[in-house]
């Protein structure tokens, strides 16, 4: 970055392929002087024979892309994915040497300076999914550890009085995902059981039904894990399995962050063919 003198700088990962018009579309959004960063879309190259990692990751990024679109329409995207994003070069701020999610920190520090992060779903980077759930879990644990680190370093963004809508978006989309949401999911099981027992374990009360639906969901995730290990491809069952893995990674990422054992160097996850 010390040698970049162009008005805009584009970041991308080495293992992604960019859409033909992606760079042109990204640069076009900078015609608005309030835009300080533009995020492209990450796409997962999906195949019918995809394992749980591929099926789950592909669906997750479609969901994430929808949230980015809504965030941009409301005010600003809350963080860009390193696969493809760009910033105004003068807005670049050096990140701390031990930063785990440099793309996230770089882009949100642009937003902290009063600019918006915009998004174009047709400016995309495409890559293959992780080879298997073990590789995807390894990647998610690192991201979760980095997410918790980012929450600590960007704690000034929690100030509603200073950042307003950006704070709301940041807390609802990012902070809760890396902190309270997984914890709440874990607590729902014993809390739901207590309420269900109070209603009568076989009753048709609302909370009892919600408890059993929750149990059914985790049984489905367990079945997805079983079928994955037997190389039986039923994508519908891989979704709850992937969802479980995503939230498990937050607890494991928190453990790594607290122990200080997460290296800043990426341990490259194996990708599918």
C-alpha atoms as a PDB file:
ATOM      1  CA  UNK A   1       0.000   0.000   0.000  1.00  0.00           C
ATOM      2  CA  UNK A   2       2.943   2.372   0.550  1.00  0.00           C
ATOM      3  CA  UNK A   3       3.583   2.354  -3.191  1.00  0.00           C
ATOM      4  CA  UNK A   4      -0.033   2.709  -4.408  1.00  0.00           C
ATOM      5  CA  UNK A   5      -0.747   6.158  -5.880  1.00  0.00           C
ATOM      6  CA  UNK A   6      -3.991   5.484  -7.747  1.00  0.00           C
ATOM      7  CA  UNK A   7      -7.164   7.093  -6.322  1.00  0.00           C
ATOM      8  CA  UNK A   8      -8.789   3.665  -5.826  1.00  0.00           C
ATOM      9  CA  UNK A   9      -7.220   0.390  -4.760  1.00  0.00           C
ATOM     10  CA  UNK A  10      -8.851  -3.019  -5.268  1.00  0.00           C
ATOM     11  CA  UNK A  11      -8.231  -5.967  -2.948  1.00  0.00           C
ATOM     12  CA  UNK A  12      -8.971  -9.599  -3.798  1.00  0.00           C
ATOM     13  CA  UNK A  13      -7.916 -13.086  -2.793  1.00  0.00           C
ATOM     14  CA  UNK A  14      -5.421 -15.051  -4.870  1.00  0.00           C
ATOM     15  CA  UNK A  15      -7.694 -18.083  -5.250  1.00  0.00           C
ATOM     16  CA  UNK A  16     -10.732 -16.300  -6.705  1.00  0.00           C
ATOM     17  CA  UNK A  17     -11.806 -15.689 -10.283  1.00  0.00           C
ATOM     18  CA  UNK A  18     -13.355 -12.289 -10.964  1.00  0.00           C
ATOM     19  CA  UNK A  19     -16.411 -11.624 -13.112  1.00  0.00           C
ATOM     20  CA  UNK A  20     -15.608  -9.959 -16.427  1.00  0.00           C
ATOM     21  CA  UNK A  21     -17.133  -6.571 -15.549  1.00  0.00           C
ATOM     22  CA  UNK A  22     -16.473  -6.665 -11.804  1.00  0.00           C
ATOM     23  CA  UNK A  23     -13.741  -4.022 -11.576  1.00  0.00           C
ATOM     24  CA  UNK A  24     -15.556  -1.622 -13.881  1.00  0.00           C
ATOM     25  CA  UNK A  25     -18.775  -1.963 -11.868  1.00  0.00           C
ATOM     26  CA  UNK A  26     -16.952  -1.393  -8.570  1.00  0.00           C
ATOM     27  CA  UNK A  27     -15.174   1.730  -9.790  1.00  0.00           C
ATOM     28  CA  UNK A  28     -18.443   3.167 -11.133  1.00  0.00           C
ATOM     29  CA  UNK A  29     -19.936   3.300  -7.620  1.00  0.00           C
ATOM     30  CA  UNK A  30     -17.164   5.645  -6.490  1.00  0.00           C
ATOM     31  CA  UNK A  31     -18.757   8.401  -8.595  1.00  0.00           C
ATOM     32  CA  UNK A  32     -20.706   9.154  -5.402  1.00  0.00           C
ATOM     33  CA  UNK A  33     -18.296  11.145  -3.184  1.00  0.00           C
ATOM     34  CA  UNK A  34     -19.918   9.719  -0.033  1.00  0.00           C
ATOM     35  CA  UNK A  35     -18.832   6.193  -0.990  1.00  0.00           C
ATOM     36  CA  UNK A  36     -15.489   5.285   0.541  1.00  0.00           C
ATOM     37  CA  UNK A  37     -15.550   1.515  -0.002  1.00  0.00           C
ATOM     38  CA  UNK A  38     -17.312  -0.880  -2.368  1.00  0.00           C
ATOM     39  CA  UNK A  39     -17.826  -4.553  -1.623  1.00  0.00           C
ATOM     40  CA  UNK A  40     -18.214  -7.143  -4.333  1.00  0.00           C
ATOM     41  CA  UNK A  41     -20.137 -10.382  -3.970  1.00  0.00           C
ATOM     42  CA  UNK A  42     -18.571 -13.682  -3.024  1.00  0.00           C
ATOM     43  CA  UNK A  43     -19.990 -16.602  -4.976  1.00  0.00           C
ATOM     44  CA  UNK A  44     -19.394 -20.290  -4.401  1.00  0.00           C
ATOM     45  CA  UNK A  45     -19.020 -22.509  -7.438  1.00  0.00           C
ATOM     46  CA  UNK A  46     -21.618 -25.178  -6.690  1.00  0.00           C
ATOM     47  CA  UNK A  47     -21.904 -28.674  -8.084  1.00  0.00           C
ATOM     48  CA  UNK A  48     -24.587 -31.316  -7.679  1.00  0.00           C
ATOM     49  CA  UNK A  49     -22.085 -33.571  -5.887  1.00  0.00           C
ATOM     50  CA  UNK A  50     -21.142 -30.916  -3.342  1.00  0.00           C
ATOM     51  CA  UNK A  51     -20.554 -32.124   0.199  1.00  0.00           C
ATOM     52  CA  UNK A  52     -22.072 -30.448   3.242  1.00  0.00           C
ATOM     53  CA  UNK A  53     -19.404 -27.748   3.216  1.00  0.00           C
ATOM     54  CA  UNK A  54     -20.161 -26.774  -0.370  1.00  0.00           C
ATOM     55  CA  UNK A  55     -23.938 -26.900  -0.066  1.00  0.00           C
ATOM     56  CA  UNK A  56     -23.961 -25.031   3.231  1.00  0.00           C
ATOM     57  CA  UNK A  57     -21.354 -22.442   2.272  1.00  0.00           C
ATOM     58  CA  UNK A  58     -23.122 -21.689  -1.008  1.00  0.00           C
ATOM     59  CA  UNK A  59     -26.458 -21.133   0.726  1.00  0.00           C
ATOM     60  CA  UNK A  60     -24.813 -19.083   3.480  1.00  0.00           C
ATOM     61  CA  UNK A  61     -23.247 -16.689   0.986  1.00  0.00           C
ATOM     62  CA  UNK A  62     -26.535 -16.235  -0.835  1.00  0.00           C
ATOM     63  CA  UNK A  63     -28.063 -15.278   2.517  1.00  0.00           C
ATOM     64  CA  UNK A  64     -25.115 -13.024   3.347  1.00  0.00           C
ATOM     65  CA  UNK A  65     -25.346 -11.326  -0.051  1.00  0.00           C
ATOM     66  CA  UNK A  66     -29.025 -10.564   0.537  1.00  0.00           C
ATOM     67  CA  UNK A  67     -28.139  -8.945   3.871  1.00  0.00           C
ATOM     68  CA  UNK A  68     -25.415  -6.875   2.200  1.00  0.00           C
ATOM     69  CA  UNK A  69     -27.903  -5.672  -0.398  1.00  0.00           C
ATOM     70  CA  UNK A  70     -30.388  -4.617   2.303  1.00  0.00           C
ATOM     71  CA  UNK A  71     -27.646  -2.996   4.379  1.00  0.00           C
ATOM     72  CA  UNK A  72     -26.493  -0.936   1.392  1.00  0.00           C
ATOM     73  CA  UNK A  73     -30.065   0.145   0.652  1.00  0.00           C
ATOM     74  CA  UNK A  74     -30.571   1.221   4.267  1.00  0.00           C
ATOM     75  CA  UNK A  75     -27.224   2.993   4.735  1.00  0.00           C
ATOM     76  CA  UNK A  76     -23.977   1.044   4.472  1.00  0.00           C
ATOM     77  CA  UNK A  77     -22.667  -2.482   4.234  1.00  0.00           C
ATOM     78  CA  UNK A  78     -20.999  -3.493   7.509  1.00  0.00           C
ATOM     79  CA  UNK A  79     -17.697  -4.920   6.374  1.00  0.00           C
ATOM     80  CA  UNK A  80     -16.381  -6.134   3.048  1.00  0.00           C
ATOM     81  CA  UNK A  81     -15.285  -9.687   2.243  1.00  0.00           C
ATOM     82  CA  UNK A  82     -11.643 -10.024   1.248  1.00  0.00           C
ATOM     83  CA  UNK A  83     -12.515 -11.925  -1.931  1.00  0.00           C
ATOM     84  CA  UNK A  84     -13.226  -8.593  -3.666  1.00  0.00           C
ATOM     85  CA  UNK A  85     -13.528  -5.033  -2.383  1.00  0.00           C
ATOM     86  CA  UNK A  86     -12.096  -1.585  -3.080  1.00  0.00           C
ATOM     87  CA  UNK A  87     -11.485   1.620  -1.135  1.00  0.00           C
ATOM     88  CA  UNK A  88     -10.399   5.159  -1.865  1.00  0.00           C
ATOM     89  CA  UNK A  89      -6.637   4.954  -1.423  1.00  0.00           C
ATOM     90  CA  UNK A  90      -6.336   8.025   0.880  1.00  0.00           C
ATOM     91  CA  UNK A  91      -8.763   6.333   3.316  1.00  0.00           C
ATOM     92  CA  UNK A  92      -6.511   3.329   3.873  1.00  0.00           C
ATOM     93  CA  UNK A  93      -5.337   2.967   7.460  1.00  0.00           C
ATOM     94  CA  UNK A  94      -2.635   0.497   8.444  1.00  0.00           C
ATOM     95  CA  UNK A  95      -4.040  -2.348  10.561  1.00  0.00           C
ATOM     96  CA  UNK A  96      -2.388  -3.754  13.666  1.00  0.00           C
ATOM     97  CA  UNK A  97       0.160  -6.488  12.912  1.00  0.00           C
ATOM     98  CA  UNK A  98      -1.837  -9.166  14.746  1.00  0.00           C
ATOM     99  CA  UNK A  99      -5.121  -8.395  12.941  1.00  0.00           C
ATOM    100  CA  UNK A 100      -6.959 -11.561  11.886  1.00  0.00           C
ATOM    101  CA  UNK A 101      -9.668 -10.060   9.634  1.00  0.00           C
ATOM    102  CA  UNK A 102      -7.830  -7.246   7.903  1.00  0.00           C
ATOM    103  CA  UNK A 103     -10.443  -6.876   5.153  1.00  0.00           C
ATOM    104  CA  UNK A 104     -13.204  -6.364   7.724  1.00  0.00           C
ATOM    105  CA  UNK A 105     -11.179  -3.889   9.802  1.00  0.00           C
ATOM    106  CA  UNK A 106      -9.954  -1.901   6.773  1.00  0.00           C
ATOM    107  CA  UNK A 107     -13.441  -1.494   5.325  1.00  0.00           C
ATOM    108  CA  UNK A 108     -15.201  -0.602   8.569  1.00  0.00           C
ATOM    109  CA  UNK A 109     -12.577   1.974   9.491  1.00  0.00           C
ATOM    110  CA  UNK A 110     -13.484   3.674   6.217  1.00  0.00           C
ATOM    111  CA  UNK A 111     -17.119   3.730   7.405  1.00  0.00           C
ATOM    112  CA  UNK A 112     -16.000   5.137  10.769  1.00  0.00           C
ATOM    113  CA  UNK A 113     -14.689   8.189   8.930  1.00  0.00           C
ATOM    114  CA  UNK A 114     -18.169   9.055   7.689  1.00  0.00           C
ATOM    115  CA  UNK A 115     -18.168   7.290   4.319  1.00  0.00           C
ATOM    116  CA  UNK A 116     -20.451   4.450   3.282  1.00  0.00           C
ATOM    117  CA  UNK A 117     -19.608   0.962   2.087  1.00  0.00           C
ATOM    118  CA  UNK A 118     -21.683   0.146  -0.972  1.00  0.00           C
ATOM    119  CA  UNK A 119     -22.333  -3.155  -2.687  1.00  0.00           C
ATOM    120  CA  UNK A 120     -22.803  -4.474  -6.214  1.00  0.00           C
ATOM    121  CA  UNK A 121     -23.886  -8.129  -6.496  1.00  0.00           C
ATOM    122  CA  UNK A 122     -22.825  -8.196 -10.149  1.00  0.00           C
ATOM    123  CA  UNK A 123     -19.238  -7.358  -9.199  1.00  0.00           C
ATOM    124  CA  UNK A 124     -18.346 -10.814  -8.027  1.00  0.00           C
ATOM    125  CA  UNK A 125     -15.499 -13.142  -7.142  1.00  0.00           C
ATOM    126  CA  UNK A 126     -16.105 -16.850  -7.437  1.00  0.00           C
ATOM    127  CA  UNK A 127     -14.282 -19.711  -5.767  1.00  0.00           C
ATOM    128  CA  UNK A 128     -14.811 -23.373  -4.978  1.00  0.00           C
ATOM    129  CA  UNK A 129     -16.123 -24.444  -1.584  1.00  0.00           C
ATOM    130  CA  UNK A 130     -14.024 -26.007   1.143  1.00  0.00           C
ATOM    131  CA  UNK A 131     -13.180 -29.633   0.412  1.00  0.00           C
ATOM    132  CA  UNK A 132     -15.102 -30.894   3.450  1.00  0.00           C
ATOM    133  CA  UNK A 133     -16.664 -29.799   6.734  1.00  0.00           C
ATOM    134  CA  UNK A 134     -13.400 -30.289   8.640  1.00  0.00           C
ATOM    135  CA  UNK A 135     -11.675 -27.778   6.353  1.00  0.00           C
ATOM    136  CA  UNK A 136     -14.626 -25.396   6.530  1.00  0.00           C
ATOM    137  CA  UNK A 137     -14.693 -25.590  10.343  1.00  0.00           C
ATOM    138  CA  UNK A 138     -10.997 -24.717  10.422  1.00  0.00           C
ATOM    139  CA  UNK A 139     -11.715 -21.635   8.327  1.00  0.00           C
ATOM    140  CA  UNK A 140     -14.776 -20.616  10.363  1.00  0.00           C
ATOM    141  CA  UNK A 141     -12.932 -20.900  13.688  1.00  0.00           C
ATOM    142  CA  UNK A 142     -10.307 -18.458  12.438  1.00  0.00           C
ATOM    143  CA  UNK A 143     -13.009 -16.069  11.171  1.00  0.00           C
ATOM    144  CA  UNK A 144     -14.847 -16.293  14.502  1.00  0.00           C
ATOM    145  CA  UNK A 145     -11.668 -15.555  16.470  1.00  0.00           C
ATOM    146  CA  UNK A 146     -11.073 -12.614  14.139  1.00  0.00           C
ATOM    147  CA  UNK A 147     -14.667 -11.484  14.519  1.00  0.00           C
ATOM    148  CA  UNK A 148     -14.369 -11.328  18.304  1.00  0.00           C
ATOM    149  CA  UNK A 149     -11.067  -9.469  17.951  1.00  0.00           C
ATOM    150  CA  UNK A 150     -12.777  -7.031  15.574  1.00  0.00           C
ATOM    151  CA  UNK A 151     -15.637  -6.402  18.017  1.00  0.00           C
ATOM    152  CA  UNK A 152     -13.067  -5.424  20.643  1.00  0.00           C
ATOM    153  CA  UNK A 153     -11.061  -3.202  18.286  1.00  0.00           C
ATOM    154  CA  UNK A 154     -14.091  -1.532  16.735  1.00  0.00           C
ATOM    155  CA  UNK A 155     -15.906  -1.062  20.044  1.00  0.00           C
ATOM    156  CA  UNK A 156     -16.320   2.664  19.325  1.00  0.00           C
ATOM    157  CA  UNK A 157     -18.841   1.616  16.652  1.00  0.00           C
ATOM    158  CA  UNK A 158     -21.168   0.547  19.465  1.00  0.00           C
ATOM    159  CA  UNK A 159     -21.809   4.239  20.150  1.00  0.00           C
ATOM    160  CA  UNK A 160     -25.307   4.902  18.715  1.00  0.00           C
ATOM    161  CA  UNK A 161     -25.033   8.598  19.499  1.00  0.00           C
ATOM    162  CA  UNK A 162     -22.010   8.982  17.234  1.00  0.00           C
ATOM    163  CA  UNK A 163     -22.676   6.496  14.424  1.00  0.00           C
ATOM    164  CA  UNK A 164     -26.467   6.120  14.460  1.00  0.00           C
ATOM    165  CA  UNK A 165     -27.684   3.777  11.721  1.00  0.00           C
ATOM    166  CA  UNK A 166     -24.207   2.337  11.166  1.00  0.00           C
ATOM    167  CA  UNK A 167     -24.095   1.251  14.820  1.00  0.00           C
ATOM    168  CA  UNK A 168     -27.496  -0.439  14.507  1.00  0.00           C
ATOM    169  CA  UNK A 169     -26.388  -2.303  11.384  1.00  0.00           C
ATOM    170  CA  UNK A 170     -23.036  -3.268  12.874  1.00  0.00           C
ATOM    171  CA  UNK A 171     -24.514  -4.601  16.117  1.00  0.00           C
ATOM    172  CA  UNK A 172     -27.425  -6.474  14.536  1.00  0.00           C
ATOM    173  CA  UNK A 173     -25.501  -7.941  11.606  1.00  0.00           C
ATOM    174  CA  UNK A 174     -22.063  -8.579  13.113  1.00  0.00           C
ATOM    175  CA  UNK A 175     -21.716  -8.157  16.875  1.00  0.00           C
ATOM    176  CA  UNK A 176     -24.689 -10.344  17.805  1.00  0.00           C
ATOM    177  CA  UNK A 177     -23.610 -13.030  15.331  1.00  0.00           C
ATOM    178  CA  UNK A 178     -20.191 -13.340  16.956  1.00  0.00           C
ATOM    179  CA  UNK A 179     -21.346 -13.030  20.565  1.00  0.00           C
ATOM    180  CA  UNK A 180     -24.892 -13.393  21.905  1.00  0.00           C
ATOM    181  CA  UNK A 181     -26.627 -15.288  19.072  1.00  0.00           C
ATOM    182  CA  UNK A 182     -24.692 -18.587  19.432  1.00  0.00           C
ATOM    183  CA  UNK A 183     -24.918 -18.362  23.236  1.00  0.00           C
ATOM    184  CA  UNK A 184     -28.675 -17.793  23.017  1.00  0.00           C
ATOM    185  CA  UNK A 185     -29.066 -20.805  20.740  1.00  0.00           C
ATOM    186  CA  UNK A 186     -27.261 -22.978  23.292  1.00  0.00           C
ATOM    187  CA  UNK A 187     -29.400 -21.642  26.145  1.00  0.00           C
ATOM    188  CA  UNK A 188     -32.638 -22.217  24.227  1.00  0.00           C
ATOM    189  CA  UNK A 189     -32.388 -25.984  24.729  1.00  0.00           C
ATOM    190  CA  UNK A 190     -32.402 -26.115  28.572  1.00  0.00           C
ATOM    191  CA  UNK A 191     -34.758 -23.122  28.813  1.00  0.00           C
ATOM    192  CA  UNK A 192     -37.105 -24.703  26.264  1.00  0.00           C
ATOM    193  CA  UNK A 193     -37.014 -27.994  28.145  1.00  0.00           C
ATOM    194  CA  UNK A 194     -37.942 -26.336  31.453  1.00  0.00           C
ATOM    195  CA  UNK A 195     -40.879 -24.518  29.839  1.00  0.00           C
ATOM    196  CA  UNK A 196     -41.981 -27.652  27.957  1.00  0.00           C
ATOM    197  CA  UNK A 197     -41.942 -29.692  31.178  1.00  0.00           C
ATOM    198  CA  UNK A 198     -44.021 -26.991  32.828  1.00  0.00           C
ATOM    199  CA  UNK A 199     -46.572 -27.167  30.006  1.00  0.00           C
ATOM    200  CA  UNK A 200     -46.465 -30.947  29.883  1.00  0.00           C
ATOM    201  CA  UNK A 201     -43.879 -32.662  27.699  1.00  0.00           C
ATOM    202  CA  UNK A 202     -46.482 -34.094  25.303  1.00  0.00           C
ATOM    203  CA  UNK A 203     -48.855 -31.148  25.345  1.00  0.00           C
ATOM    204  CA  UNK A 204     -49.630 -29.068  22.253  1.00  0.00           C
ATOM    205  CA  UNK A 205     -48.739 -25.761  23.875  1.00  0.00           C
ATOM    206  CA  UNK A 206     -46.789 -23.212  21.847  1.00  0.00           C
ATOM    207  CA  UNK A 207     -43.542 -23.468  23.814  1.00  0.00           C
ATOM    208  CA  UNK A 208     -43.709 -27.246  23.838  1.00  0.00           C
ATOM    209  CA  UNK A 209     -44.068 -27.316  20.051  1.00  0.00           C
ATOM    210  CA  UNK A 210     -41.152 -24.874  19.665  1.00  0.00           C
ATOM    211  CA  UNK A 211     -39.009 -27.046  21.917  1.00  0.00           C
ATOM    212  CA  UNK A 212     -39.646 -30.192  19.877  1.00  0.00           C
ATOM    213  CA  UNK A 213     -39.067 -28.328  16.609  1.00  0.00           C
ATOM    214  CA  UNK A 214     -35.720 -27.247  18.003  1.00  0.00           C
ATOM    215  CA  UNK A 215     -34.840 -30.831  18.928  1.00  0.00           C
ATOM    216  CA  UNK A 216     -35.932 -31.971  15.466  1.00  0.00           C
ATOM    217  CA  UNK A 217     -33.635 -29.381  13.879  1.00  0.00           C
ATOM    218  CA  UNK A 218     -30.584 -30.648  15.769  1.00  0.00           C
ATOM    219  CA  UNK A 219     -31.504 -34.251  15.011  1.00  0.00           C
ATOM    220  CA  UNK A 220     -31.591 -33.253  11.358  1.00  0.00           C
ATOM    221  CA  UNK A 221     -28.127 -31.711  11.745  1.00  0.00           C
ATOM    222  CA  UNK A 222     -26.926 -34.977  13.313  1.00  0.00           C
ATOM    223  CA  UNK A 223     -28.399 -36.906  10.392  1.00  0.00           C
ATOM    224  CA  UNK A 224     -26.638 -34.542   7.996  1.00  0.00           C
ATOM    225  CA  UNK A 225     -23.342 -35.297   9.775  1.00  0.00           C
ATOM    226  CA  UNK A 226     -24.002 -39.049   9.546  1.00  0.00           C
ATOM    227  CA  UNK A 227     -24.827 -38.916   5.842  1.00  0.00           C
ATOM    228  CA  UNK A 228     -21.818 -36.685   5.142  1.00  0.00           C
ATOM    229  CA  UNK A 229     -19.529 -39.296   6.682  1.00  0.00           C
ATOM    230  CA  UNK A 230     -21.207 -41.939   4.518  1.00  0.00           C
ATOM    231  CA  UNK A 231     -20.777 -39.763   1.409  1.00  0.00           C
ATOM    232  CA  UNK A 232     -24.551 -39.675   0.889  1.00  0.00           C
ATOM    233  CA  UNK A 233     -25.488 -36.333  -0.688  1.00  0.00           C
ATOM    234  CA  UNK A 234     -28.819 -34.886   0.488  1.00  0.00           C
ATOM    235  CA  UNK A 235     -28.315 -31.121   0.372  1.00  0.00           C
ATOM    236  CA  UNK A 236     -31.460 -30.328   2.353  1.00  0.00           C
ATOM    237  CA  UNK A 237     -29.971 -32.085   5.390  1.00  0.00           C
ATOM    238  CA  UNK A 238     -26.597 -30.392   4.985  1.00  0.00           C
ATOM    239  CA  UNK A 239     -28.089 -26.958   5.722  1.00  0.00           C
ATOM    240  CA  UNK A 240     -28.869 -27.568   9.446  1.00  0.00           C
ATOM    241  CA  UNK A 241     -25.533 -29.385   9.766  1.00  0.00           C
ATOM    242  CA  UNK A 242     -23.666 -26.379   8.342  1.00  0.00           C
ATOM    243  CA  UNK A 243     -25.688 -24.016  10.551  1.00  0.00           C
ATOM    244  CA  UNK A 244     -24.634 -26.011  13.601  1.00  0.00           C
ATOM    245  CA  UNK A 245     -20.979 -25.978  12.510  1.00  0.00           C
ATOM    246  CA  UNK A 246     -21.093 -22.191  12.001  1.00  0.00           C
ATOM    247  CA  UNK A 247     -22.305 -21.566  15.539  1.00  0.00           C
ATOM    248  CA  UNK A 248     -19.970 -24.161  17.042  1.00  0.00           C
ATOM    249  CA  UNK A 249     -17.076 -22.307  15.409  1.00  0.00           C
ATOM    250  CA  UNK A 250     -17.928 -19.167  17.423  1.00  0.00           C
ATOM    251  CA  UNK A 251     -17.346 -20.974  20.739  1.00  0.00           C
ATOM    252  CA  UNK A 252     -14.130 -22.531  19.428  1.00  0.00           C
ATOM    253  CA  UNK A 253     -13.048 -19.177  17.992  1.00  0.00           C
ATOM    254  CA  UNK A 254     -13.678 -17.469  21.340  1.00  0.00           C
ATOM    255  CA  UNK A 255     -11.520 -20.103  23.041  1.00  0.00           C
ATOM    256  CA  UNK A 256      -8.694 -19.426  20.597  1.00  0.00           C
ATOM    257  CA  UNK A 257      -9.004 -15.675  20.981  1.00  0.00           C
ATOM    258  CA  UNK A 258      -8.898 -15.832  24.782  1.00  0.00           C
ATOM    259  CA  UNK A 259      -5.895 -18.173  24.690  1.00  0.00           C
ATOM    260  CA  UNK A 260      -4.164 -15.964  22.102  1.00  0.00           C
ATOM    261  CA  UNK A 261      -3.369 -19.077  20.075  1.00  0.00           C
ATOM    262  CA  UNK A 262      -4.750 -17.925  16.700  1.00  0.00           C
ATOM    263  CA  UNK A 263      -1.888 -17.025  14.354  1.00  0.00           C
ATOM    264  CA  UNK A 264      -2.279 -14.119  11.938  1.00  0.00           C
ATOM    265  CA  UNK A 265      -1.005 -16.334   9.107  1.00  0.00           C
ATOM    266  CA  UNK A 266      -3.752 -18.075   7.178  1.00  0.00           C
ATOM    267  CA  UNK A 267      -3.671 -21.851   7.288  1.00  0.00           C
ATOM    268  CA  UNK A 268      -5.077 -22.409   3.840  1.00  0.00           C
ATOM    269  CA  UNK A 269      -8.244 -24.515   3.827  1.00  0.00           C
ATOM    270  CA  UNK A 270      -8.309 -27.236   1.192  1.00  0.00           C
ATOM    271  CA  UNK A 271     -10.785 -26.450  -1.560  1.00  0.00           C
ATOM    272  CA  UNK A 272     -13.017 -28.787  -3.528  1.00  0.00           C
ATOM    273  CA  UNK A 273     -12.285 -29.554  -7.166  1.00  0.00           C
END
